[in-house]
Amino acid sequence: MMGHAHAGLAKWHAYMEHGSDPALLSDLLADDAVFHSPVVHTPQVGKPIVMAYLIAASHTLGNDSFHYVRELVDGDEMMLEFVTVMDGITVNGVDIIRFNAEGKISDFKVMVRPLKAINKVWEMMAAQLEAAKA
């Protein structure tokens, strides 16, 4: 069991480091994956919508300043702390990721601080999601 999650984590890092390729992401997500956004109240359920949010997030947060600063791994649960700068605002956040028995992401939660960073993420994510729909 332990091995699957670590392989999944390595794939997640590869996805983040190599230009956020949607095919890599698709391969990483369980069909029944759930995404918990820092700015949307309800969980987003199902691979297509989770992909849409994660792709928007990688476009929004995943600029040149994005980097993980800490990683906690407990079996199939991971907590990855990140820092990035958006429009001059330092964003500090945490990705909480659960992998299933197949090593696919089944649950992905993003927490962000401080408040002005959340507001900036909300503004830029909304723009990305709208652009994706167009």
C-alpha atoms as a PDB file:
ATOM      1  CA  MET A   1       0.000   0.000   0.000  1.00  0.00           C
ATOM      2  CA  MET A   2       2.736   2.386   1.029  1.00  0.00           C
ATOM      3  CA  GLY A   3       4.458   2.061  -2.353  1.00  0.00           C
ATOM      4  CA  HIS A   4       1.412   3.143  -4.400  1.00  0.00           C
ATOM      5  CA  ALA A   5       1.039   6.465  -2.627  1.00  0.00           C
ATOM      6  CA  HIS A   6       4.722   7.303  -2.942  1.00  0.00           C
ATOM      7  CA  ALA A   7       4.652   6.474  -6.656  1.00  0.00           C
ATOM      8  CA  GLY A   8       1.580   8.702  -6.931  1.00  0.00           C
ATOM      9  CA  LEU A   9       3.358  11.497  -5.093  1.00  0.00           C
ATOM     10  CA  ALA A  10       6.345  11.219  -7.451  1.00  0.00           C
ATOM     11  CA  LYS A  11       3.918  11.490 -10.391  1.00  0.00           C
ATOM     12  CA  TRP A  12       2.285  14.552  -8.807  1.00  0.00           C
ATOM     13  CA  HIS A  13       5.689  16.256  -8.521  1.00  0.00           C
ATOM     14  CA  ALA A  14       6.453  15.329 -12.138  1.00  0.00           C
ATOM     15  CA  TYR A  15       3.122  16.885 -13.168  1.00  0.00           C
ATOM     16  CA  MET A  16       3.881  20.114 -11.252  1.00  0.00           C
ATOM     17  CA  GLU A  17       7.468  20.326 -12.526  1.00  0.00           C
ATOM     18  CA  HIS A  18       6.858  19.548 -16.197  1.00  0.00           C
ATOM     19  CA  GLY A  19       4.403  22.200 -17.267  1.00  0.00           C
ATOM     20  CA  SER A  20       1.198  20.699 -15.877  1.00  0.00           C
ATOM     21  CA  ASP A  21       0.409  18.293 -18.725  1.00  0.00           C
ATOM     22  CA  PRO A  22      -3.339  17.410 -18.627  1.00  0.00           C
ATOM     23  CA  ALA A  23      -2.604  13.837 -19.806  1.00  0.00           C
ATOM     24  CA  LEU A  24      -0.331  13.288 -16.784  1.00  0.00           C
ATOM     25  CA  LEU A  25      -3.005  14.723 -14.491  1.00  0.00           C
ATOM     26  CA  SER A  26      -5.739  12.567 -16.008  1.00  0.00           C
ATOM     27  CA  ASP A  27      -3.619   9.487 -15.382  1.00  0.00           C
ATOM     28  CA  LEU A  28      -3.178  10.524 -11.733  1.00  0.00           C
ATOM     29  CA  LEU A  29      -6.846  11.049 -10.828  1.00  0.00           C
ATOM     30  CA  ALA A  30      -9.361   8.448  -9.701  1.00  0.00           C
ATOM     31  CA  ASP A  31     -12.682   8.583 -11.585  1.00  0.00           C
ATOM     32  CA  ASP A  32     -14.501   9.427  -8.342  1.00  0.00           C
ATOM     33  CA  ALA A  33     -11.923  11.991  -7.173  1.00  0.00           C
ATOM     34  CA  VAL A  34     -13.134  14.844  -4.970  1.00  0.00           C
ATOM     35  CA  PHE A  35     -11.649  18.366  -4.913  1.00  0.00           C
ATOM     36  CA  HIS A  36     -12.033  20.791  -2.000  1.00  0.00           C
ATOM     37  CA  SER A  37     -11.251  24.346  -3.095  1.00  0.00           C
ATOM     38  CA  PRO A  38     -10.121  27.059  -0.662  1.00  0.00           C
ATOM     39  CA  VAL A  39     -12.766  29.364  -2.142  1.00  0.00           C
ATOM     40  CA  VAL A  40     -15.688  27.122  -3.173  1.00  0.00           C
ATOM     41  CA  HIS A  41     -17.929  25.902  -0.363  1.00  0.00           C
ATOM     42  CA  THR A  42     -19.016  22.552  -1.808  1.00  0.00           C
ATOM     43  CA  PRO A  43     -16.747  19.636  -2.675  1.00  0.00           C
ATOM     44  CA  GLN A  44     -16.327  19.178  -6.430  1.00  0.00           C
ATOM     45  CA  VAL A  45     -16.902  15.516  -7.334  1.00  0.00           C
ATOM     46  CA  GLY A  46     -15.746  13.497 -10.344  1.00  0.00           C
ATOM     47  CA  LYS A  47     -12.605  13.390 -12.445  1.00  0.00           C
ATOM     48  CA  PRO A  48     -13.643  15.947 -15.143  1.00  0.00           C
ATOM     49  CA  ILE A  49     -14.462  18.728 -12.665  1.00  0.00           C
ATOM     50  CA  VAL A  50     -11.465  17.926 -10.435  1.00  0.00           C
ATOM     51  CA  MET A  51      -9.261  18.163 -13.529  1.00  0.00           C
ATOM     52  CA  ALA A  52     -10.786  21.521 -14.455  1.00  0.00           C
ATOM     53  CA  TYR A  53     -10.061  22.926 -10.982  1.00  0.00           C
ATOM     54  CA  LEU A  54      -6.543  21.517 -10.743  1.00  0.00           C
ATOM     55  CA  ILE A  55      -5.630  22.769 -14.220  1.00  0.00           C
ATOM     56  CA  ALA A  56      -6.993  26.223 -13.339  1.00  0.00           C
ATOM     57  CA  ALA A  57      -5.047  26.092 -10.062  1.00  0.00           C
ATOM     58  CA  SER A  58      -1.817  25.132 -11.810  1.00  0.00           C
ATOM     59  CA  HIS A  59      -2.250  28.066 -14.219  1.00  0.00           C
ATOM     60  CA  THR A  60      -3.078  30.404 -11.337  1.00  0.00           C
ATOM     61  CA  LEU A  61      -0.635  29.279  -8.633  1.00  0.00           C
ATOM     62  CA  GLY A  62       1.974  27.409 -10.639  1.00  0.00           C
ATOM     63  CA  ASN A  63       4.106  30.339 -11.716  1.00  0.00           C
ATOM     64  CA  ASP A  64       7.912  30.483 -11.480  1.00  0.00           C
ATOM     65  CA  SER A  65       7.770  31.337  -7.771  1.00  0.00           C
ATOM     66  CA  PHE A  66       5.736  28.228  -6.826  1.00  0.00           C
ATOM     67  CA  HIS A  67       7.594  25.750  -4.657  1.00  0.00           C
ATOM     68  CA  TYR A  68       6.848  23.149  -2.023  1.00  0.00           C
ATOM     69  CA  VAL A  69       8.514  23.892   1.308  1.00  0.00           C
ATOM     70  CA  ARG A  70       7.412  20.915   3.401  1.00  0.00           C
ATOM     71  CA  GLU A  71       6.026  17.450   2.889  1.00  0.00           C
ATOM     72  CA  LEU A  72       4.358  15.179   5.433  1.00  0.00           C
ATOM     73  CA  VAL A  73       3.553  11.626   4.356  1.00  0.00           C
ATOM     74  CA  ASP A  74       1.488   9.164   6.386  1.00  0.00           C
ATOM     75  CA  GLY A  75       0.633   6.014   4.434  1.00  0.00           C
ATOM     76  CA  ASP A  76      -1.687   7.072   1.613  1.00  0.00           C
ATOM     77  CA  GLU A  77      -2.191  10.595   3.007  1.00  0.00           C
ATOM     78  CA  MET A  78       0.096  13.504   2.066  1.00  0.00           C
ATOM     79  CA  MET A  79       0.289  17.107   3.148  1.00  0.00           C
ATOM     80  CA  LEU A  80       2.380  19.364   0.913  1.00  0.00           C
ATOM     81  CA  GLU A  81       2.963  22.950   1.990  1.00  0.00           C
ATOM     82  CA  PHE A  82       3.656  25.455  -0.776  1.00  0.00           C
ATOM     83  CA  VAL A  83       4.597  29.092  -1.224  1.00  0.00           C
ATOM     84  CA  THR A  84       4.035  31.181  -4.324  1.00  0.00           C
ATOM     85  CA  VAL A  85       3.747  34.877  -5.194  1.00  0.00           C
ATOM     86  CA  MET A  86       0.748  36.206  -7.144  1.00  0.00           C
ATOM     87  CA  ASP A  87       0.615  39.877  -8.137  1.00  0.00           C
ATOM     88  CA  GLY A  88       3.100  40.678  -5.380  1.00  0.00           C
ATOM     89  CA  ILE A  89       1.086  38.817  -2.709  1.00  0.00           C
ATOM     90  CA  THR A  90       2.784  35.893  -0.992  1.00  0.00           C
ATOM     91  CA  VAL A  91       0.451  32.911  -0.903  1.00  0.00           C
ATOM     92  CA  ASN A  92       1.089  30.141   1.627  1.00  0.00           C
ATOM     93  CA  GLY A  93      -0.953  27.001   1.149  1.00  0.00           C
ATOM     94  CA  VAL A  94      -1.289  23.313   1.785  1.00  0.00           C
ATOM     95  CA  ASP A  95      -2.319  20.514  -0.574  1.00  0.00           C
ATOM     96  CA  ILE A  96      -3.839  17.593   1.356  1.00  0.00           C
ATOM     97  CA  ILE A  97      -3.890  14.587  -0.948  1.00  0.00           C
ATOM     98  CA  ARG A  98      -5.269  11.079  -0.391  1.00  0.00           C
ATOM     99  CA  PHE A  99      -4.311   8.247  -2.754  1.00  0.00           C
ATOM    100  CA  ASN A 100      -6.458   5.164  -3.271  1.00  0.00           C
ATOM    101  CA  ALA A 101      -5.220   1.545  -3.438  1.00  0.00           C
ATOM    102  CA  GLU A 102      -4.373   2.000  -7.145  1.00  0.00           C
ATOM    103  CA  GLY A 103      -2.115   4.952  -6.343  1.00  0.00           C
ATOM    104  CA  LYS A 104      -4.567   7.451  -7.878  1.00  0.00           C
ATOM    105  CA  ILE A 105      -5.625  10.700  -6.210  1.00  0.00           C
ATOM    106  CA  SER A 106      -9.037  10.171  -4.596  1.00  0.00           C
ATOM    107  CA  ASP A 107      -9.237  13.356  -2.528  1.00  0.00           C
ATOM    108  CA  PHE A 108      -7.490  16.713  -2.975  1.00  0.00           C
ATOM    109  CA  LYS A 109      -7.974  19.634  -0.589  1.00  0.00           C
ATOM    110  CA  VAL A 110      -6.293  23.027  -0.851  1.00  0.00           C
ATOM    111  CA  MET A 111      -6.011  25.392   2.123  1.00  0.00           C
ATOM    112  CA  VAL A 112      -4.625  28.908   1.654  1.00  0.00           C
ATOM    113  CA  ARG A 113      -3.555  31.749   3.938  1.00  0.00           C
ATOM    114  CA  PRO A 114      -3.490  34.700   4.672  1.00  0.00           C
ATOM    115  CA  LEU A 115      -6.857  36.280   3.824  1.00  0.00           C
ATOM    116  CA  LYS A 116      -5.556  38.625   1.124  1.00  0.00           C
ATOM    117  CA  ALA A 117      -3.935  35.622  -0.557  1.00  0.00           C
ATOM    118  CA  ILE A 118      -7.277  33.769  -0.533  1.00  0.00           C
ATOM    119  CA  ASN A 119      -8.938  36.788  -2.149  1.00  0.00           C
ATOM    120  CA  LYS A 120      -6.239  36.888  -4.849  1.00  0.00           C
ATOM    121  CA  VAL A 121      -6.546  33.136  -5.487  1.00  0.00           C
ATOM    122  CA  TRP A 122     -10.335  33.485  -5.756  1.00  0.00           C
ATOM    123  CA  GLU A 123     -10.086  36.358  -8.221  1.00  0.00           C
ATOM    124  CA  MET A 124      -7.525  34.629 -10.451  1.00  0.00           C
ATOM    125  CA  MET A 125      -9.126  31.152 -10.233  1.00  0.00           C
ATOM    126  CA  ALA A 126     -12.505  32.603 -11.217  1.00  0.00           C
ATOM    127  CA  ALA A 127     -10.885  34.214 -14.267  1.00  0.00           C
ATOM    128  CA  GLN A 128      -9.142  30.920 -15.210  1.00  0.00           C
ATOM    129  CA  LEU A 129     -12.314  28.829 -14.838  1.00  0.00           C
ATOM    130  CA  GLU A 130     -14.319  31.340 -16.905  1.00  0.00           C
ATOM    131  CA  ALA A 131     -11.634  31.337 -19.602  1.00  0.00           C
ATOM    132  CA  ALA A 132     -11.670  27.514 -19.648  1.00  0.00           C
ATOM    133  CA  LYS A 133     -15.456  27.492 -20.216  1.00  0.00           C
ATOM    134  CA  ALA A 134     -15.265  29.961 -23.117  1.00  0.00           C
END
